[in-house]
Amino acid sequence: MRPFEVVAHKLPSDLGKALFSSKLTSTWEDLTPLARNEWICWVTSGKRAETRAIRIQKAISKMKGGMRRPCCWAGCTHR
């Protein structure tokens, strides 16, 4: 694996469960490692549990709509 393909974040269980129950696991696997990392960072960067839950639902909705990366976000600080 080349350095720029390394994912800094592991898939959190709550996001993983949401992807599985929404039948988006193949969509998730089709994303680049950098895109997966950005989704994870965006979801987990919320300070409150409520914010995180909302972001998971938005991520699911956006991925179902074909989005491959979080939009309108400065990006993961771990790139």
N, C-alpha and C. Protein backbone atom coordinates (compact mmCIF):
# COMPACT_ATOMS: atom_id res chain seq x y z
N MET A 1 0.84 -1.18 0.00
CA MET A 1 0.00 0.00 0.00
C MET A 1 0.89 1.24 0.00
N ARG A 2 0.59 2.16 -0.88
CA ARG A 2 1.34 3.41 -0.93
C ARG A 2 0.91 4.32 0.21
N PRO A 3 1.79 5.22 0.67
CA PRO A 3 1.47 6.07 1.83
C PRO A 3 0.19 6.87 1.69
N PHE A 4 -0.14 7.36 0.48
CA PHE A 4 -1.33 8.18 0.35
C PHE A 4 -2.61 7.35 0.38
N GLU A 5 -2.50 6.02 0.37
CA GLU A 5 -3.67 5.16 0.43
C GLU A 5 -3.99 4.72 1.86
N VAL A 6 -3.15 5.07 2.79
CA VAL A 6 -3.35 4.65 4.17
C VAL A 6 -4.55 5.37 4.77
N VAL A 7 -5.42 4.62 5.41
CA VAL A 7 -6.59 5.19 6.07
C VAL A 7 -6.22 5.43 7.52
N ALA A 8 -6.38 6.66 7.98
CA ALA A 8 -5.99 7.02 9.35
C ALA A 8 -7.01 6.55 10.37
N HIS A 9 -8.23 6.29 9.95
CA HIS A 9 -9.30 5.95 10.89
C HIS A 9 -9.86 4.57 10.61
N LYS A 10 -10.18 3.85 11.67
CA LYS A 10 -10.89 2.58 11.54
C LYS A 10 -12.38 2.87 11.46
N LEU A 11 -13.09 2.01 10.77
CA LEU A 11 -14.54 2.18 10.63
C LEU A 11 -15.19 1.99 12.00
N PRO A 12 -15.86 3.02 12.52
CA PRO A 12 -16.54 2.89 13.81
C PRO A 12 -17.72 1.92 13.69
N SER A 13 -18.01 1.22 14.76
CA SER A 13 -19.06 0.20 14.71
C SER A 13 -20.43 0.79 14.38
N ASP A 14 -20.74 1.98 14.89
CA ASP A 14 -22.05 2.56 14.60
C ASP A 14 -22.21 2.91 13.12
N LEU A 15 -21.16 3.42 12.51
CA LEU A 15 -21.21 3.72 11.07
C LEU A 15 -21.25 2.42 10.27
N GLY A 16 -20.46 1.44 10.69
CA GLY A 16 -20.46 0.15 10.01
C GLY A 16 -21.83 -0.52 10.04
N LYS A 17 -22.50 -0.47 11.20
CA LYS A 17 -23.84 -1.05 11.32
C LYS A 17 -24.83 -0.33 10.42
N ALA A 18 -24.71 0.98 10.35
CA ALA A 18 -25.61 1.76 9.49
C ALA A 18 -25.38 1.43 8.01
N LEU A 19 -24.13 1.27 7.62
CA LEU A 19 -23.82 0.90 6.24
C LEU A 19 -24.38 -0.48 5.92
N PHE A 20 -24.22 -1.42 6.85
CA PHE A 20 -24.70 -2.78 6.64
C PHE A 20 -26.22 -2.82 6.55
N SER A 21 -26.89 -2.16 7.49
CA SER A 21 -28.35 -2.20 7.49
C SER A 21 -28.96 -1.45 6.30
N SER A 22 -28.20 -0.54 5.74
CA SER A 22 -28.68 0.21 4.57
C SER A 22 -28.24 -0.44 3.26
N LYS A 23 -27.58 -1.58 3.38
CA LYS A 23 -27.09 -2.33 2.20
C LYS A 23 -26.12 -1.49 1.37
N LEU A 24 -25.25 -0.76 2.06
CA LEU A 24 -24.27 0.09 1.38
C LEU A 24 -22.84 -0.43 1.53
N THR A 25 -22.68 -1.65 1.98
CA THR A 25 -21.32 -2.15 2.18
C THR A 25 -20.54 -2.22 0.88
N SER A 26 -21.18 -2.61 -0.21
CA SER A 26 -20.46 -2.67 -1.49
C SER A 26 -20.13 -1.25 -1.98
N THR A 27 -21.02 -0.31 -1.73
CA THR A 27 -20.74 1.09 -2.08
C THR A 27 -19.54 1.58 -1.28
N TRP A 28 -19.50 1.26 0.00
CA TRP A 28 -18.40 1.65 0.88
C TRP A 28 -17.08 1.07 0.38
N GLU A 29 -17.09 -0.19 0.03
CA GLU A 29 -15.86 -0.85 -0.45
C GLU A 29 -15.40 -0.27 -1.78
N ASP A 30 -16.32 0.28 -2.55
CA ASP A 30 -15.98 0.87 -3.85
C ASP A 30 -15.33 2.25 -3.71
N LEU A 31 -15.47 2.88 -2.55
CA LEU A 31 -14.85 4.19 -2.33
C LEU A 31 -13.34 4.04 -2.19
N THR A 32 -12.63 5.09 -2.52
CA THR A 32 -11.18 5.08 -2.32
C THR A 32 -10.88 5.12 -0.83
N PRO A 33 -9.71 4.66 -0.42
CA PRO A 33 -9.36 4.74 1.00
C PRO A 33 -9.43 6.17 1.53
N LEU A 34 -9.04 7.14 0.74
CA LEU A 34 -9.10 8.54 1.18
C LEU A 34 -10.55 8.98 1.39
N ALA A 35 -11.43 8.60 0.49
CA ALA A 35 -12.84 8.96 0.63
C ALA A 35 -13.46 8.30 1.86
N ARG A 36 -13.15 7.03 2.09
CA ARG A 36 -13.65 6.35 3.30
C ARG A 36 -13.15 7.07 4.55
N ASN A 37 -11.87 7.43 4.53
CA ASN A 37 -11.28 8.13 5.66
C ASN A 37 -11.99 9.46 5.92
N GLU A 38 -12.32 10.18 4.87
CA GLU A 38 -13.01 11.46 5.04
C GLU A 38 -14.41 11.28 5.61
N TRP A 39 -15.15 10.25 5.16
CA TRP A 39 -16.47 10.00 5.73
C TRP A 39 -16.34 9.68 7.22
N ILE A 40 -15.39 8.83 7.57
CA ILE A 40 -15.20 8.46 8.97
C ILE A 40 -14.84 9.68 9.79
N CYS A 41 -13.91 10.48 9.32
CA CYS A 41 -13.47 11.67 10.05
C CYS A 41 -14.63 12.66 10.20
N TRP A 42 -15.42 12.83 9.15
CA TRP A 42 -16.55 13.75 9.21
C TRP A 42 -17.57 13.28 10.26
N VAL A 43 -17.88 11.99 10.25
CA VAL A 43 -18.84 11.46 11.22
C VAL A 43 -18.32 11.58 12.64
N THR A 44 -17.08 11.22 12.86
CA THR A 44 -16.55 11.17 14.22
C THR A 44 -16.10 12.53 14.75
N SER A 45 -16.03 13.53 13.89
CA SER A 45 -15.58 14.85 14.36
C SER A 45 -16.68 15.62 15.09
N GLY A 46 -17.90 15.11 15.06
CA GLY A 46 -18.97 15.73 15.82
C GLY A 46 -18.70 15.57 17.31
N LYS A 47 -18.90 16.60 18.07
CA LYS A 47 -18.59 16.57 19.51
C LYS A 47 -19.64 15.83 20.34
N ARG A 48 -20.90 15.93 19.92
CA ARG A 48 -21.98 15.32 20.71
C ARG A 48 -22.50 14.06 20.03
N ALA A 49 -23.05 13.15 20.82
CA ALA A 49 -23.62 11.91 20.29
C ALA A 49 -24.74 12.20 19.30
N GLU A 50 -25.53 13.25 19.57
CA GLU A 50 -26.63 13.60 18.68
C GLU A 50 -26.10 14.04 17.31
N THR A 51 -25.02 14.81 17.33
CA THR A 51 -24.41 15.27 16.08
C THR A 51 -23.90 14.09 15.28
N ARG A 52 -23.24 13.17 15.96
CA ARG A 52 -22.70 11.98 15.29
C ARG A 52 -23.82 11.16 14.66
N ALA A 53 -24.92 10.95 15.39
CA ALA A 53 -26.05 10.18 14.86
C ALA A 53 -26.64 10.86 13.63
N ILE A 54 -26.77 12.17 13.68
CA ILE A 54 -27.28 12.92 12.53
C ILE A 54 -26.34 12.78 11.34
N ARG A 55 -25.05 12.87 11.60
CA ARG A 55 -24.07 12.75 10.50
C ARG A 55 -24.07 11.36 9.88
N ILE A 56 -24.27 10.34 10.70
CA ILE A 56 -24.34 8.98 10.15
C ILE A 56 -25.54 8.88 9.21
N GLN A 57 -26.69 9.39 9.64
CA GLN A 57 -27.87 9.33 8.78
C GLN A 57 -27.68 10.15 7.51
N LYS A 58 -27.04 11.31 7.63
CA LYS A 58 -26.76 12.12 6.43
C LYS A 58 -25.79 11.41 5.51
N ALA A 59 -24.78 10.77 6.08
CA ALA A 59 -23.80 10.04 5.26
C ALA A 59 -24.49 8.93 4.48
N ILE A 60 -25.36 8.19 5.15
CA ILE A 60 -26.10 7.11 4.49
C ILE A 60 -26.95 7.68 3.35
N SER A 61 -27.66 8.74 3.63
CA SER A 61 -28.51 9.37 2.62
C SER A 61 -27.68 9.86 1.43
N LYS A 62 -26.57 10.51 1.73
CA LYS A 62 -25.73 11.05 0.66
C LYS A 62 -25.09 9.95 -0.17
N MET A 63 -24.65 8.87 0.48
CA MET A 63 -24.06 7.76 -0.27
C MET A 63 -25.12 7.08 -1.14
N LYS A 64 -26.34 6.95 -0.62
CA LYS A 64 -27.42 6.39 -1.43
C LYS A 64 -27.69 7.26 -2.64
N GLY A 65 -27.48 8.56 -2.50
CA GLY A 65 -27.68 9.50 -3.61
C GLY A 65 -26.50 9.58 -4.56
N GLY A 66 -25.44 8.84 -4.26
CA GLY A 66 -24.30 8.77 -5.17
C GLY A 66 -23.09 9.59 -4.76
N MET A 67 -23.17 10.31 -3.63
CA MET A 67 -22.01 11.09 -3.19
C MET A 67 -20.90 10.15 -2.74
N ARG A 68 -19.70 10.48 -3.11
CA ARG A 68 -18.56 9.64 -2.77
C ARG A 68 -17.68 10.25 -1.69
N ARG A 69 -17.92 11.52 -1.37
CA ARG A 69 -17.16 12.21 -0.32
C ARG A 69 -18.07 13.21 0.38
N PRO A 70 -17.76 13.54 1.64
CA PRO A 70 -18.54 14.58 2.32
C PRO A 70 -18.38 15.91 1.58
N CYS A 71 -19.46 16.63 1.44
CA CYS A 71 -19.45 17.90 0.72
C CYS A 71 -19.37 19.07 1.69
N CYS A 72 -18.79 20.14 1.23
CA CYS A 72 -18.78 21.39 1.98
C CYS A 72 -18.16 21.23 3.37
N TRP A 73 -17.06 20.54 3.41
CA TRP A 73 -16.35 20.28 4.66
C TRP A 73 -14.88 20.50 4.39
N ALA A 74 -14.18 21.11 5.32
CA ALA A 74 -12.77 21.44 5.11
C ALA A 74 -11.91 20.21 4.88
N GLY A 75 -12.36 19.08 5.33
CA GLY A 75 -11.63 17.84 5.10
C GLY A 75 -10.96 17.32 6.36
N CYS A 76 -10.54 16.10 6.26
CA CYS A 76 -9.92 15.43 7.38
C CYS A 76 -8.54 16.02 7.66
N THR A 77 -8.27 16.28 8.89
CA THR A 77 -6.97 16.85 9.27
C THR A 77 -5.87 15.81 9.20
N HIS A 78 -6.21 14.55 9.00
CA HIS A 78 -5.23 13.49 8.99
C HIS A 78 -4.70 13.16 7.60
N ARG A 79 -5.05 13.95 6.58
CA ARG A 79 -4.55 13.66 5.23
C ARG A 79 -3.11 14.07 5.12
